């Protein structure tokens, strides 16, 4: 009795119920019988709720349960756990398989029996029913958290750029947000910019908004539907059931929710009949050309640059038709491409480079170049042209005669040769021509040093320019390269700021986001929405050891817990282990020379 008085009454009742359950369900000999049991955390929920299904298999840790029909839900694994019991000196094991259920549609659903086969015998659980109701009837703007999705144009042309904007509005604190589905069937998709977070007033109420944008390019005509996107999130709420002295200070817990956007229907129109010289570009584009030199001599070269730029499907920029340049010898160079993916959309520029060497003196020209593209705002094709480029080509300088001998007999066989000039020093045959000389040094005066430095400067600058140009081309070809290379530097710089933050809750959130964003930058995914389990899974898939992946999982979970607990960690205590972990991860995630990046 003294023991029961030392704990809260509710806890005592739970302990007593567990003790009675073990006593009533355990056979007299202490051996727990094999079996299977299915449990759901609740039988009545809405479309915005998550349900957790637990299948407990007793008597075997190898037997895998067979799930009943769960087609009314989206099912994801939530992990497994094992429990070993010792009863009367006999051990038994049970394995709990946990699943997260996300309702797809409202209704009352009967969940059949789960089954498992142990030692040749099949066991089944009891079926049960679940009622799924529609979400709250109040308008979204009157709720404390909701999501929206919209497009910039609901009736685009095929291939036209459409901006998809997704927003999360919230007035409550959340943890572990995760987008469960974000599908765009029938569209080519480009990620735009970074995830933005800002505050706004919406219908008289202030919300914190998380927003990201994507560029969609329809690949077929007709009616295309963007299905709803679902966001699984845990809300931080006050625990109203906690009583006693601790309730004076408040106690927080999390509540799982699933938020959905409305489906979006687009009527994709076909392009009008295109002209023969249509470039395939759809948007707003321009073309221009230029020469590095307009005056030169025969045999010298000038560089022709043709630059096409604009917004829209800039990935499709191709070389324009260039008329035949019969008066030149032409050398093609590698074109350069620059794509910009900003929140406003995809834009870009491509530069085609050709070296032209005139073959004859006189007035030469590079004819006008044309670009035909489709303008969705006007609903018609447009053609833009460059101006003709004129060159003034002068005759080349006469080459110096370098003949030093002249043949006296133009016939075959032996010929006599007459010396026209001497171009070598006289031949000395005596020893008096040898004289002791002081050994020459490479640099004798400071002027010699400056002269040698001047000679070395142009090739050094050229090497630096080549290295920089090569790096920019690699960045253009691999959009994630810049993120991967700058991930460690950005993470360490953020962790340096954590130690200066006085708010422990803010420091916990910033430290956790630093690890998530670092992993996202290294692996080429959006890191800010990664959960601790997703970080663990992705690191293991990229060859990270189990110990490091588990450490990342543990630290992220600890930081999330520290945000809402009374015993918060000091900022330095948060940043130090994360810094050490990120440095260890970087040694494994950074490709060594000669080893290709694995990608996602």
Protein backbone atom coordinates (compact mmCIF):
# COMPACT_ATOMS: atom_id res chain seq x y z
CA UNK A 1 0.00 0.00 0.00
CA UNK A 2 2.83 2.38 0.73
CA UNK A 3 4.11 1.81 -2.81
CA UNK A 4 0.73 2.69 -4.34
CA UNK A 5 0.57 5.86 -2.27
CA UNK A 6 3.97 6.97 -3.61
CA UNK A 7 2.75 7.22 -7.24
CA UNK A 8 -0.22 9.10 -8.76
CA UNK A 9 -3.52 7.29 -8.64
CA UNK A 10 -3.77 7.01 -12.43
CA UNK A 11 -0.32 5.41 -12.70
CA UNK A 12 -1.23 2.96 -9.94
CA UNK A 13 -4.33 1.88 -11.81
CA UNK A 14 -2.27 1.32 -14.98
CA UNK A 15 0.29 -0.79 -13.11
CA UNK A 16 -2.46 -2.83 -11.48
CA UNK A 17 -4.17 -3.45 -14.84
CA UNK A 18 -0.91 -4.59 -16.43
CA UNK A 19 -0.20 -6.94 -13.53
CA UNK A 20 -3.69 -8.48 -13.78
CA UNK A 21 -3.33 -8.83 -17.58
CA UNK A 22 -0.05 -10.73 -17.23
CA UNK A 23 -1.50 -12.92 -14.48
CA UNK A 24 -4.71 -13.76 -16.37
CA UNK A 25 -3.13 -14.33 -19.80
CA UNK A 26 -0.05 -16.29 -18.72
CA UNK A 27 -0.41 -20.08 -18.60
CA UNK A 28 0.40 -21.83 -15.36
CA UNK A 29 3.65 -23.17 -16.70
CA UNK A 30 4.92 -19.64 -17.52
CA UNK A 31 5.09 -20.23 -21.29
CA UNK A 32 3.48 -17.43 -23.38
CA UNK A 33 1.47 -19.00 -26.20
CA UNK A 34 2.14 -17.97 -29.84
CA UNK A 35 -0.40 -15.62 -31.38
CA UNK A 36 -1.07 -12.30 -33.06
CA UNK A 37 -2.94 -9.19 -31.96
CA UNK A 38 -3.92 -6.04 -33.89
CA UNK A 39 -4.43 -2.72 -32.11
CA UNK A 40 -5.39 0.72 -33.43
CA UNK A 41 -4.88 3.91 -31.43
CA UNK A 42 -8.44 5.10 -32.20
CA UNK A 43 -11.50 3.96 -34.13
CA UNK A 44 -12.96 7.40 -34.92
CA UNK A 45 -10.90 9.95 -36.86
CA UNK A 46 -11.03 12.55 -39.64
CA UNK A 47 -9.28 12.81 -42.97
CA UNK A 48 -6.73 15.10 -41.33
CA UNK A 49 -5.76 12.56 -38.67
CA UNK A 50 -3.09 9.88 -38.67
CA UNK A 51 -3.82 6.50 -37.14
CA UNK A 52 -1.24 4.11 -35.76
CA UNK A 53 -1.77 0.37 -36.23
CA UNK A 54 0.30 -2.05 -34.13
CA UNK A 55 0.55 -5.76 -34.98
CA UNK A 56 2.03 -7.79 -32.09
CA UNK A 57 3.39 -11.25 -32.94
CA UNK A 58 4.04 -13.40 -29.89
CA UNK A 59 6.24 -16.45 -29.80
CA UNK A 60 8.46 -15.73 -32.82
CA UNK A 61 10.76 -12.99 -34.00
CA UNK A 62 11.17 -14.33 -37.55
CA UNK A 63 7.52 -14.76 -38.56
CA UNK A 64 6.23 -11.85 -40.66
CA UNK A 65 2.57 -10.85 -40.25
CA UNK A 66 0.20 -10.56 -43.22
CA UNK A 67 -1.72 -7.30 -43.14
CA UNK A 68 -5.45 -7.13 -43.88
CA UNK A 69 -6.89 -5.05 -46.72
CA UNK A 70 -5.95 -1.42 -46.02
CA UNK A 71 -6.79 0.08 -49.42
CA UNK A 72 -8.74 2.92 -47.76
CA UNK A 73 -5.46 4.19 -46.26
CA UNK A 74 -1.96 5.14 -47.26
CA UNK A 75 0.25 2.82 -45.23
CA UNK A 76 3.83 3.51 -44.19
CA UNK A 77 6.03 1.62 -41.77
CA UNK A 78 6.69 3.24 -38.38
CA UNK A 79 9.34 0.74 -37.27
CA UNK A 80 9.42 -2.39 -35.15
CA UNK A 81 10.23 -3.14 -31.53
CA UNK A 82 11.06 -6.36 -29.66
CA UNK A 83 10.26 -7.33 -26.09
CA UNK A 84 11.65 -10.27 -24.15
CA UNK A 85 9.88 -11.50 -21.03
CA UNK A 86 10.96 -13.96 -18.36
CA UNK A 87 8.07 -15.71 -16.64
CA UNK A 88 8.80 -18.45 -14.10
CA UNK A 89 12.28 -18.85 -15.54
CA UNK A 90 11.00 -19.26 -19.13
CA UNK A 91 11.75 -16.57 -21.73
CA UNK A 92 9.34 -15.49 -24.44
CA UNK A 93 9.61 -12.88 -27.17
CA UNK A 94 7.10 -10.65 -28.89
CA UNK A 95 7.64 -8.35 -31.86
CA UNK A 96 5.53 -5.22 -32.46
CA UNK A 97 5.16 -4.07 -36.08
CA UNK A 98 4.00 -0.43 -36.21
CA UNK A 99 2.29 1.21 -39.18
CA UNK A 100 1.09 4.73 -39.88
CA UNK A 101 -2.32 4.92 -41.60
CA UNK A 102 -3.35 8.04 -43.49
CA UNK A 103 -7.05 8.04 -44.51
CA UNK A 104 -7.77 8.57 -48.20
CA UNK A 105 -11.55 8.96 -48.12
CA UNK A 106 -14.30 9.24 -45.57
CA UNK A 107 -16.52 6.30 -44.57
CA UNK A 108 -16.76 3.36 -42.19
CA UNK A 109 -14.20 0.69 -42.95
CA UNK A 110 -13.95 -2.82 -41.60
CA UNK A 111 -10.37 -3.89 -41.03
CA UNK A 112 -10.04 -7.64 -41.41
CA UNK A 113 -7.88 -10.01 -39.45
CA UNK A 114 -4.10 -9.91 -39.61
CA UNK A 115 -2.47 -13.34 -39.74
CA UNK A 116 0.86 -15.02 -39.09
CA UNK A 117 2.23 -18.53 -39.46
CA UNK A 118 4.32 -19.91 -36.58
CA UNK A 119 5.70 -23.48 -36.58
CA UNK A 120 3.30 -24.49 -39.36
CA UNK A 121 0.22 -23.14 -37.60
CA UNK A 122 -1.65 -20.02 -38.66
CA UNK A 123 -2.90 -17.47 -36.12
CA UNK A 124 -5.30 -14.57 -36.75
CA UNK A 125 -6.21 -11.37 -34.93
CA UNK A 126 -9.71 -10.03 -34.35
CA UNK A 127 -11.17 -7.68 -37.00
CA UNK A 128 -12.39 -4.20 -36.09
CA UNK A 129 -14.04 -1.14 -37.65
CA UNK A 130 -12.77 2.39 -38.22
CA UNK A 131 -14.92 5.42 -38.91
CA UNK A 132 -13.34 8.21 -40.96
CA UNK A 133 -15.15 11.55 -41.04
CA UNK A 134 -14.63 14.62 -43.23
CA UNK A 135 -12.32 17.32 -41.91
CA UNK A 136 -13.70 20.26 -39.94
CA UNK A 137 -16.45 22.19 -41.69
CA UNK A 138 -15.04 25.62 -40.77
CA UNK A 139 -13.28 27.62 -43.55
CA UNK A 140 -9.55 27.06 -43.82
CA UNK A 141 -8.72 30.66 -42.90
CA UNK A 142 -10.52 30.22 -39.56
CA UNK A 143 -8.35 27.28 -38.61
CA UNK A 144 -4.97 27.45 -36.89
CA UNK A 145 -3.16 25.38 -39.53
CA UNK A 146 -3.94 24.60 -43.17
CA UNK A 147 -2.23 24.16 -46.55
CA UNK A 148 -3.01 25.59 -49.98
CA UNK A 149 -1.80 25.04 -53.53
CA UNK A 150 -2.39 27.15 -56.63
CA UNK A 151 -1.07 27.58 -60.17
CA UNK A 152 -0.30 30.74 -62.11
CA UNK A 153 -2.38 29.65 -65.13
CA UNK A 154 -5.12 27.01 -65.19
CA UNK A 155 -5.38 26.93 -69.00
CA UNK A 156 -1.78 26.93 -70.27
CA UNK A 157 -0.44 25.87 -73.63
CA UNK A 158 1.46 22.61 -73.88
CA UNK A 159 5.08 23.27 -72.92
CA UNK A 160 4.25 26.62 -71.29
CA UNK A 161 5.79 27.35 -67.90
CA UNK A 162 3.25 27.27 -65.04
CA UNK A 163 4.27 28.29 -61.51
CA UNK A 164 2.94 25.97 -58.79
CA UNK A 165 2.90 27.60 -55.34
CA UNK A 166 2.46 25.52 -52.16
CA UNK A 167 1.93 27.21 -48.78
CA UNK A 168 1.58 26.04 -45.20
CA UNK A 169 -0.25 28.52 -42.92
CA UNK A 170 0.08 27.96 -39.19
CA UNK A 171 -0.55 29.67 -35.88
CA UNK A 172 0.61 26.68 -33.82
CA UNK A 173 3.98 25.04 -33.26
CA UNK A 174 4.76 21.92 -35.26
CA UNK A 175 7.49 19.26 -35.43
CA UNK A 176 8.60 16.78 -38.07
CA UNK A 177 6.62 18.07 -41.08
CA UNK A 178 6.73 15.65 -43.99
CA UNK A 179 5.04 15.94 -47.39
CA UNK A 180 3.52 12.52 -47.98
CA UNK A 181 2.61 13.03 -51.65
CA UNK A 182 3.49 15.64 -54.26
CA UNK A 183 2.81 14.23 -57.72
CA UNK A 184 2.59 16.05 -61.05
CA UNK A 185 1.54 13.43 -63.66
CA UNK A 186 1.92 14.66 -67.23
CA UNK A 187 4.30 17.50 -66.34
CA UNK A 188 8.03 18.16 -66.47
CA UNK A 189 8.95 19.63 -63.06
CA UNK A 190 11.70 22.07 -62.06
CA UNK A 191 12.37 23.12 -58.44
CA UNK A 192 12.46 26.89 -58.00
CA UNK A 193 14.50 28.79 -55.44
CA UNK A 194 14.62 28.00 -51.76
CA UNK A 195 11.88 27.30 -49.25
CA UNK A 196 10.69 30.67 -47.92
CA UNK A 197 9.26 31.41 -44.49
CA UNK A 198 7.54 34.68 -43.61
CA UNK A 199 4.65 36.17 -41.63
CA UNK A 200 1.47 37.47 -43.22
CA UNK A 201 -2.03 38.63 -42.33
CA UNK A 202 -4.71 36.41 -43.83
CA UNK A 203 -8.32 37.52 -43.41
CA UNK A 204 -7.49 39.48 -40.29
CA UNK A 205 -5.34 36.82 -38.61
CA UNK A 206 -1.56 36.57 -38.53
CA UNK A 207 0.03 33.35 -39.79
CA UNK A 208 3.55 32.03 -40.21
CA UNK A 209 3.79 30.85 -43.81
CA UNK A 210 6.15 28.26 -45.31
CA UNK A 211 6.20 28.46 -49.11
CA UNK A 212 7.93 26.80 -52.04
CA UNK A 213 7.45 27.01 -55.80
CA UNK A 214 7.87 24.65 -58.71
CA UNK A 215 7.82 25.21 -62.47
CA UNK A 216 5.53 22.83 -64.35
CA UNK A 217 5.69 22.21 -68.11
CA UNK A 218 2.73 20.22 -69.51
CA UNK A 219 3.85 17.44 -71.84
CA UNK A 220 0.42 16.61 -73.24
CA UNK A 221 -2.80 18.40 -74.09
CA UNK A 222 -6.25 17.96 -72.59
CA UNK A 223 -7.46 17.92 -69.00
CA UNK A 224 -4.66 17.26 -66.51
CA UNK A 225 -5.27 17.06 -62.76
CA UNK A 226 -2.77 17.76 -60.03
CA UNK A 227 -3.79 15.43 -57.19
CA UNK A 228 -3.98 16.71 -53.61
CA UNK A 229 -0.72 16.98 -51.73
CA UNK A 230 -0.69 15.71 -48.15
CA UNK A 231 1.42 17.04 -45.30
CA UNK A 232 1.91 14.83 -42.24
CA UNK A 233 2.83 16.91 -39.20
CA UNK A 234 2.82 16.75 -35.42
CA UNK A 235 1.15 19.66 -33.62
CA UNK A 236 2.49 20.73 -30.24
CA UNK A 237 -0.52 21.03 -27.91
CA UNK A 238 -1.12 21.46 -24.19
CA UNK A 239 -1.83 18.26 -22.30
CA UNK A 240 -5.18 19.08 -20.67
CA UNK A 241 -5.34 15.68 -18.95
CA UNK A 242 -2.29 16.27 -16.76
CA UNK A 243 -3.23 17.04 -13.20
CA UNK A 244 -1.40 17.81 -10.00
CA UNK A 245 1.38 20.20 -9.17
CA UNK A 246 3.09 19.81 -12.59
CA UNK A 247 0.03 21.11 -14.43
CA UNK A 248 0.69 24.59 -12.97
CA UNK A 249 3.70 24.94 -15.26
CA UNK A 250 1.99 23.30 -18.24
CA UNK A 251 2.85 20.14 -20.10
CA UNK A 252 3.10 19.69 -23.85
CA UNK A 253 2.56 16.76 -26.14
CA UNK A 254 2.28 16.23 -29.89
CA UNK A 255 -0.77 15.41 -31.94
CA UNK A 256 -0.47 13.89 -35.43
CA UNK A 257 -2.35 15.60 -38.27
CA UNK A 258 -2.51 15.14 -42.04
CA UNK A 259 -3.31 18.28 -44.06
CA UNK A 260 -4.39 18.12 -47.69
CA UNK A 261 -4.65 20.60 -50.54
CA UNK A 262 -7.47 20.62 -53.05
CA UNK A 263 -6.91 18.94 -56.43
CA UNK A 264 -6.14 21.37 -59.27
CA UNK A 265 -7.51 20.83 -62.78
CA UNK A 266 -5.73 22.34 -65.79
CA UNK A 267 -7.00 22.57 -69.34
CA UNK A 268 -3.87 22.29 -71.47
CA UNK A 269 -4.25 23.82 -74.94
CA UNK A 270 -2.31 22.72 -78.04
CA UNK A 271 -0.05 25.17 -79.86
CA UNK A 272 -1.31 26.70 -83.11
CA UNK A 273 0.15 25.44 -86.37
CA UNK A 274 3.83 26.30 -86.16
CA UNK A 275 6.03 27.89 -88.86
CA UNK A 276 8.85 25.90 -90.40
CA UNK A 277 11.54 27.76 -88.47
CA UNK A 278 9.91 27.35 -85.02
CA UNK A 279 12.68 26.88 -82.43
CA UNK A 280 10.52 24.96 -79.90
CA UNK A 281 10.87 27.72 -77.30
CA UNK A 282 7.74 28.80 -75.42
CA UNK A 283 7.89 31.95 -73.31
CA UNK A 284 9.62 35.29 -73.82
CA UNK A 285 13.02 35.12 -75.54
CA UNK A 286 15.54 37.32 -77.31
CA UNK A 287 18.53 36.82 -79.62
CA UNK A 288 21.59 38.96 -80.23
CA UNK A 289 24.99 38.56 -81.87
CA UNK A 290 28.32 40.32 -81.59
CA UNK A 291 31.88 40.22 -82.94
CA UNK A 292 35.01 40.62 -80.86
CA UNK A 293 36.69 42.56 -83.70
CA UNK A 294 35.16 44.39 -86.67
CA UNK A 295 38.50 45.27 -88.32
CA UNK A 296 41.16 42.66 -89.01
CA UNK A 297 43.51 41.29 -91.63
CA UNK A 298 43.37 38.19 -93.76
CA UNK A 299 44.48 35.23 -91.64
CA UNK A 300 43.51 36.86 -88.33
CA UNK A 301 40.44 35.70 -86.39
CA UNK A 302 37.42 37.31 -84.80
CA UNK A 303 34.99 35.67 -82.38
CA UNK A 304 31.27 35.53 -83.18
CA UNK A 305 28.94 35.15 -80.20
CA UNK A 306 25.25 34.32 -80.64
CA UNK A 307 23.35 34.75 -77.37
CA UNK A 308 19.79 33.49 -76.81
CA UNK A 309 18.16 34.37 -73.49
CA UNK A 310 14.73 34.53 -71.93
CA UNK A 311 12.22 32.94 -69.55
CA UNK A 312 10.12 29.85 -70.17
CA UNK A 313 11.37 26.45 -71.26
CA UNK A 314 14.94 27.75 -71.36
CA UNK A 315 16.26 24.18 -71.10
CA UNK A 316 15.24 23.78 -74.77
CA UNK A 317 17.42 26.59 -76.15
CA UNK A 318 19.18 25.29 -79.25
CA UNK A 319 21.55 26.69 -81.84
CA UNK A 320 19.81 28.96 -84.36
CA UNK A 321 20.19 28.39 -88.08
CA UNK A 322 23.33 30.20 -89.22
CA UNK A 323 23.56 30.99 -92.98
CA UNK A 324 26.55 29.71 -94.89
CA UNK A 325 29.58 31.93 -94.34
CA UNK A 326 31.53 31.22 -97.53
CA UNK A 327 34.11 33.96 -96.98
CA UNK A 328 35.34 32.53 -93.68
CA UNK A 329 37.00 29.51 -92.22
CA UNK A 330 34.91 28.59 -89.14
CA UNK A 331 36.00 26.96 -85.88
CA UNK A 332 33.27 25.94 -83.42
CA UNK A 333 33.74 26.27 -79.67
CA UNK A 334 31.85 24.67 -76.82
CA UNK A 335 28.63 26.64 -76.08
CA UNK A 336 28.01 27.89 -72.54
CA UNK A 337 24.70 27.57 -70.68
CA UNK A 338 23.38 29.33 -67.60
CA UNK A 339 20.00 28.42 -66.09
CA UNK A 340 18.36 30.38 -63.28
CA UNK A 341 15.72 28.68 -61.14
CA UNK A 342 14.19 31.43 -59.04
CA UNK A 343 10.79 31.74 -57.39
CA UNK A 344 9.56 33.72 -60.38
CA UNK A 345 10.32 30.83 -62.75
CA UNK A 346 12.96 29.27 -64.98
CA UNK A 347 15.06 31.57 -67.14
CA UNK A 348 18.36 31.08 -68.87
CA UNK A 349 20.91 32.03 -71.45
CA UNK A 350 22.92 30.04 -73.94
CA UNK A 351 25.91 31.41 -75.84
CA UNK A 352 27.21 29.86 -79.05
CA UNK A 353 30.81 30.79 -79.91
CA UNK A 354 32.51 30.54 -83.31
CA UNK A 355 35.95 31.73 -84.41
CA UNK A 356 35.86 33.26 -87.91
CA UNK A 357 38.98 33.59 -90.05
CA UNK A 358 38.44 35.69 -93.25
CA UNK A 359 39.92 34.17 -96.39
CA UNK A 360 40.05 37.32 -98.53
CA UNK A 361 40.32 41.07 -98.10
CA UNK A 362 37.34 43.37 -98.50
CA UNK A 363 33.99 44.12 -96.87
CA UNK A 364 32.54 40.92 -95.38
CA UNK A 365 29.37 40.45 -93.35
CA UNK A 366 27.68 37.99 -91.02
CA UNK A 367 24.00 37.86 -92.09
CA UNK A 368 21.14 38.51 -89.68
CA UNK A 369 20.07 35.55 -87.50
CA UNK A 370 16.43 34.87 -86.61
CA UNK A 371 14.68 33.20 -83.66
CA UNK A 372 11.02 32.14 -83.80
CA UNK A 373 9.31 31.24 -80.53
CA UNK A 374 5.76 31.00 -79.16
CA UNK A 375 4.55 33.77 -76.86
CA UNK A 376 1.81 32.36 -74.54
CA UNK A 377 0.71 35.83 -73.40
CA UNK A 378 -0.07 36.82 -77.00
CA UNK A 379 -1.13 33.34 -78.13
CA UNK A 380 0.98 33.65 -81.29
CA UNK A 381 4.45 33.05 -82.70
CA UNK A 382 7.03 35.83 -82.67
CA UNK A 383 10.24 36.23 -84.65
CA UNK A 384 13.21 38.28 -83.51
CA UNK A 385 16.32 38.99 -85.56
CA UNK A 386 19.83 40.26 -85.06
CA UNK A 387 21.35 43.03 -87.15
CA UNK A 388 23.91 42.05 -89.82
CA UNK A 389 27.50 42.35 -88.64
CA UNK A 390 30.03 44.03 -90.97
CA UNK A 391 33.77 43.37 -91.05
CA UNK A 392 36.52 45.38 -92.71
CA UNK A 393 39.23 42.90 -93.78
CA UNK A 394 42.59 44.29 -94.86
CA UNK A 395 45.25 42.34 -96.80
CA UNK A 396 47.73 40.47 -94.70
CA UNK A 397 51.31 41.72 -94.24
CA UNK A 398 53.88 40.26 -96.71
CA UNK A 399 55.83 37.39 -95.23
CA UNK A 400 59.61 37.91 -94.84
CA UNK A 401 61.78 35.95 -97.26
CA UNK A 402 63.85 33.56 -95.19
CA UNK A 403 65.79 31.84 -98.05
CA UNK A 404 69.42 31.45 -97.08
CA UNK A 405 70.53 29.24 -99.99
CA UNK A 406 69.86 29.20 -103.69
CA UNK A 407 69.98 26.18 -105.98
CA UNK A 408 72.30 26.61 -108.92
CA UNK A 409 71.00 23.69 -110.94
CA UNK A 410 67.27 22.95 -110.88
CA UNK A 411 67.81 19.44 -112.17
CA UNK A 412 67.60 16.22 -110.25
CA UNK A 413 70.64 14.63 -108.70
CA UNK A 414 73.56 16.52 -107.27
CA UNK A 415 73.31 20.28 -107.31
CA UNK A 416 75.74 23.03 -106.47
CA UNK A 417 74.73 25.44 -103.71
CA UNK A 418 75.73 29.09 -103.42
CA UNK A 419 75.78 30.61 -99.93
CA UNK A 420 73.67 33.78 -99.78
CA UNK A 421 74.17 34.57 -96.10
CA UNK A 422 75.67 33.23 -92.89
CA UNK A 423 73.33 32.75 -89.95
CA UNK A 424 75.69 30.90 -87.54
CA UNK A 425 78.70 31.96 -85.56
CA UNK A 426 82.17 31.14 -86.97
CA UNK A 427 83.68 27.83 -86.01
CA UNK A 428 86.64 28.01 -83.57
CA UNK A 429 89.20 25.22 -83.75
CA UNK A 430 91.81 26.44 -81.21
CA UNK A 431 91.83 26.13 -77.42
CA UNK A 432 92.31 29.88 -77.10
CA UNK A 433 88.63 30.31 -77.78
CA UNK A 434 87.90 28.81 -74.35
CA UNK A 435 87.87 31.30 -71.50
CA UNK A 436 86.89 30.95 -67.87
CA UNK A 437 83.57 32.63 -67.24
CA UNK A 438 81.63 33.36 -64.07
CA UNK A 439 78.70 30.97 -63.63
CA UNK A 440 75.48 32.68 -64.67
CA UNK A 441 72.68 32.91 -62.16
CA UNK A 442 68.98 32.89 -63.01
CA UNK A 443 68.22 36.22 -61.34
CA UNK A 444 71.01 38.78 -60.96
CA UNK A 445 69.06 41.97 -60.22
CA UNK A 446 65.61 42.92 -58.98
CA UNK A 447 64.77 44.02 -62.52
CA UNK A 448 65.37 40.47 -63.73
CA UNK A 449 62.97 39.22 -61.03
CA UNK A 450 60.26 41.63 -62.18
CA UNK A 451 60.83 40.61 -65.77
CA UNK A 452 60.45 36.91 -64.95
CA UNK A 453 57.36 37.62 -62.84
CA UNK A 454 55.84 39.50 -65.77
CA UNK A 455 56.47 36.52 -68.01
CA UNK A 456 54.84 34.16 -65.51
CA UNK A 457 51.77 36.33 -64.84
CA UNK A 458 49.86 35.80 -68.15
CA UNK A 459 49.96 31.97 -68.06
CA UNK A 460 49.03 32.05 -64.37
CA UNK A 461 46.02 34.28 -65.05
CA UNK A 462 45.06 32.09 -67.99
CA UNK A 463 45.21 28.96 -65.81
CA UNK A 464 43.03 30.64 -63.17
CA UNK A 465 40.52 31.70 -65.82
CA UNK A 466 40.37 28.17 -67.26
CA UNK A 467 39.84 26.70 -63.79
CA UNK A 468 37.09 29.22 -63.03
CA UNK A 469 35.36 28.62 -66.38
CA UNK A 470 35.53 24.86 -65.89
CA UNK A 471 34.01 25.22 -62.43
CA UNK A 472 31.16 27.38 -63.75
CA UNK A 473 30.42 24.82 -66.46
CA UNK A 474 30.31 22.05 -63.90
CA UNK A 475 27.91 24.13 -61.80
CA UNK A 476 25.71 24.66 -64.87
CA UNK A 477 25.69 20.95 -65.74
CA UNK A 478 25.19 19.75 -62.16
CA UNK A 479 22.72 21.97 -60.27
CA UNK A 480 23.50 20.23 -56.96
CA UNK A 481 27.29 20.58 -57.13
CA UNK A 482 27.36 24.05 -55.57
CA UNK A 483 25.09 22.87 -52.72
CA UNK A 484 27.28 19.81 -52.03
CA UNK A 485 30.51 21.81 -52.03
CA UNK A 486 29.17 24.56 -49.79
CA UNK A 487 27.23 22.30 -47.40
CA UNK A 488 29.98 21.93 -44.78
CA UNK A 489 30.99 25.59 -44.79
CA UNK A 490 27.38 26.76 -44.47
CA UNK A 491 26.64 24.27 -41.67
CA UNK A 492 29.69 25.21 -39.60
CA UNK A 493 28.97 28.92 -40.04
CA UNK A 494 25.42 28.40 -38.76
CA UNK A 495 26.64 26.41 -35.77
CA UNK A 496 28.97 29.28 -34.87
CA UNK A 497 25.90 31.50 -34.55
CA UNK A 498 24.11 29.03 -32.28
CA UNK A 499 26.47 29.77 -29.37
CA UNK A 500 25.43 33.46 -29.50
CA UNK A 501 21.69 32.76 -29.23
CA UNK A 502 20.15 33.28 -25.80
CA UNK A 503 16.81 31.61 -26.60
CA UNK A 504 17.36 27.88 -25.99
CA UNK A 505 14.25 26.90 -27.96
CA UNK A 506 15.38 28.88 -30.99
CA UNK A 507 18.91 27.45 -30.65
CA UNK A 508 17.51 23.89 -30.59
CA UNK A 509 15.44 24.50 -33.73
CA UNK A 510 18.36 26.14 -35.58
CA UNK A 511 20.78 23.33 -34.64
CA UNK A 512 18.35 20.63 -35.80
CA UNK A 513 17.66 22.51 -39.06
CA UNK A 514 21.41 22.84 -39.65
CA UNK A 515 21.87 19.05 -39.60
CA UNK A 516 18.79 18.47 -41.79
CA UNK A 517 19.81 21.07 -44.36
CA UNK A 518 23.40 19.76 -44.43
CA UNK A 519 22.18 16.22 -45.19
CA UNK A 520 19.77 17.60 -47.80
CA UNK A 521 22.50 19.65 -49.51
CA UNK A 522 24.88 16.69 -49.59
CA UNK A 523 22.29 14.23 -50.91
CA UNK A 524 20.51 16.59 -53.30
CA UNK A 525 17.10 16.68 -51.56
CA UNK A 526 15.05 19.27 -49.70
CA UNK A 527 16.54 18.98 -46.21
CA UNK A 528 14.37 21.31 -44.14
CA UNK A 529 11.45 18.84 -44.09
CA UNK A 530 13.44 15.67 -43.33
CA UNK A 531 12.47 13.74 -40.23
CA UNK A 532 14.97 12.00 -37.96
CA UNK A 533 13.98 8.63 -39.43
CA UNK A 534 14.35 9.91 -43.03
CA UNK A 535 17.82 11.27 -42.25
CA UNK A 536 18.74 7.85 -40.84
CA UNK A 537 17.38 5.99 -43.90
CA UNK A 538 18.97 8.28 -46.50
CA UNK A 539 22.39 8.20 -44.84
CA UNK A 540 22.36 4.40 -44.74
CA UNK A 541 21.38 4.25 -48.44
CA UNK A 542 24.43 6.40 -49.25
CA UNK A 543 26.84 4.04 -47.50
CA UNK A 544 27.10 5.77 -44.13
CA UNK A 545 27.83 3.36 -41.28
CA UNK A 546 25.03 2.27 -38.98
CA UNK A 547 26.66 3.96 -35.99
CA UNK A 548 26.83 7.39 -37.68
CA UNK A 549 23.29 7.11 -39.04
CA UNK A 550 21.99 6.13 -35.60
CA UNK A 551 23.90 9.02 -34.04
CA UNK A 552 22.26 11.47 -36.47
CA UNK A 553 18.85 9.98 -35.66
CA UNK A 554 19.48 10.21 -31.91
CA UNK A 555 20.75 13.79 -31.96
CA UNK A 556 17.86 15.04 -34.10
CA UNK A 557 15.33 13.35 -31.83
CA UNK A 558 17.09 14.78 -28.76
CA UNK A 559 17.05 18.30 -30.21
CA UNK A 560 13.33 18.07 -31.04
CA UNK A 561 12.60 16.87 -27.53
CA UNK A 562 14.75 19.63 -26.00
CA UNK A 563 12.68 22.31 -27.75
CA UNK A 564 9.61 21.45 -25.71
CA UNK A 565 11.01 20.13 -22.43
CA UNK A 566 11.66 22.11 -19.29
CA UNK A 567 15.29 20.92 -19.11
CA UNK A 568 16.67 22.60 -22.21
CA UNK A 569 20.26 22.23 -23.28
CA UNK A 570 22.70 25.10 -23.41
CA UNK A 571 23.42 26.34 -26.97
CA UNK A 572 27.07 25.21 -26.82
CA UNK A 573 26.02 21.74 -25.66
CA UNK A 574 23.71 21.52 -28.68
CA UNK A 575 26.18 22.70 -31.30
CA UNK A 576 29.28 20.74 -30.29
CA UNK A 577 28.06 17.15 -30.96
CA UNK A 578 26.30 18.27 -34.16
CA UNK A 579 29.52 19.91 -35.38
CA UNK A 580 31.51 16.73 -34.71
CA UNK A 581 28.86 14.58 -36.43
CA UNK A 582 28.71 16.80 -39.52
CA UNK A 583 32.51 16.76 -39.85
CA UNK A 584 32.51 12.95 -39.66
CA UNK A 585 29.70 12.71 -42.21
CA UNK A 586 31.49 15.07 -44.57
CA UNK A 587 34.54 12.80 -44.71
CA UNK A 588 32.27 9.99 -45.95
CA UNK A 589 29.90 12.00 -48.17
CA UNK A 590 32.58 13.98 -50.02
CA UNK A 591 33.75 12.01 -53.12
CA UNK A 592 37.44 11.30 -53.30
CA UNK A 593 39.36 12.27 -56.46
CA UNK A 594 38.58 9.81 -59.22
CA UNK A 595 35.41 8.55 -57.59
CA UNK A 596 32.13 9.69 -59.07
CA UNK A 597 29.32 11.10 -56.97
CA UNK A 598 26.61 8.53 -56.42
CA UNK A 599 23.74 11.02 -56.69
CA UNK A 600 20.46 10.45 -54.95
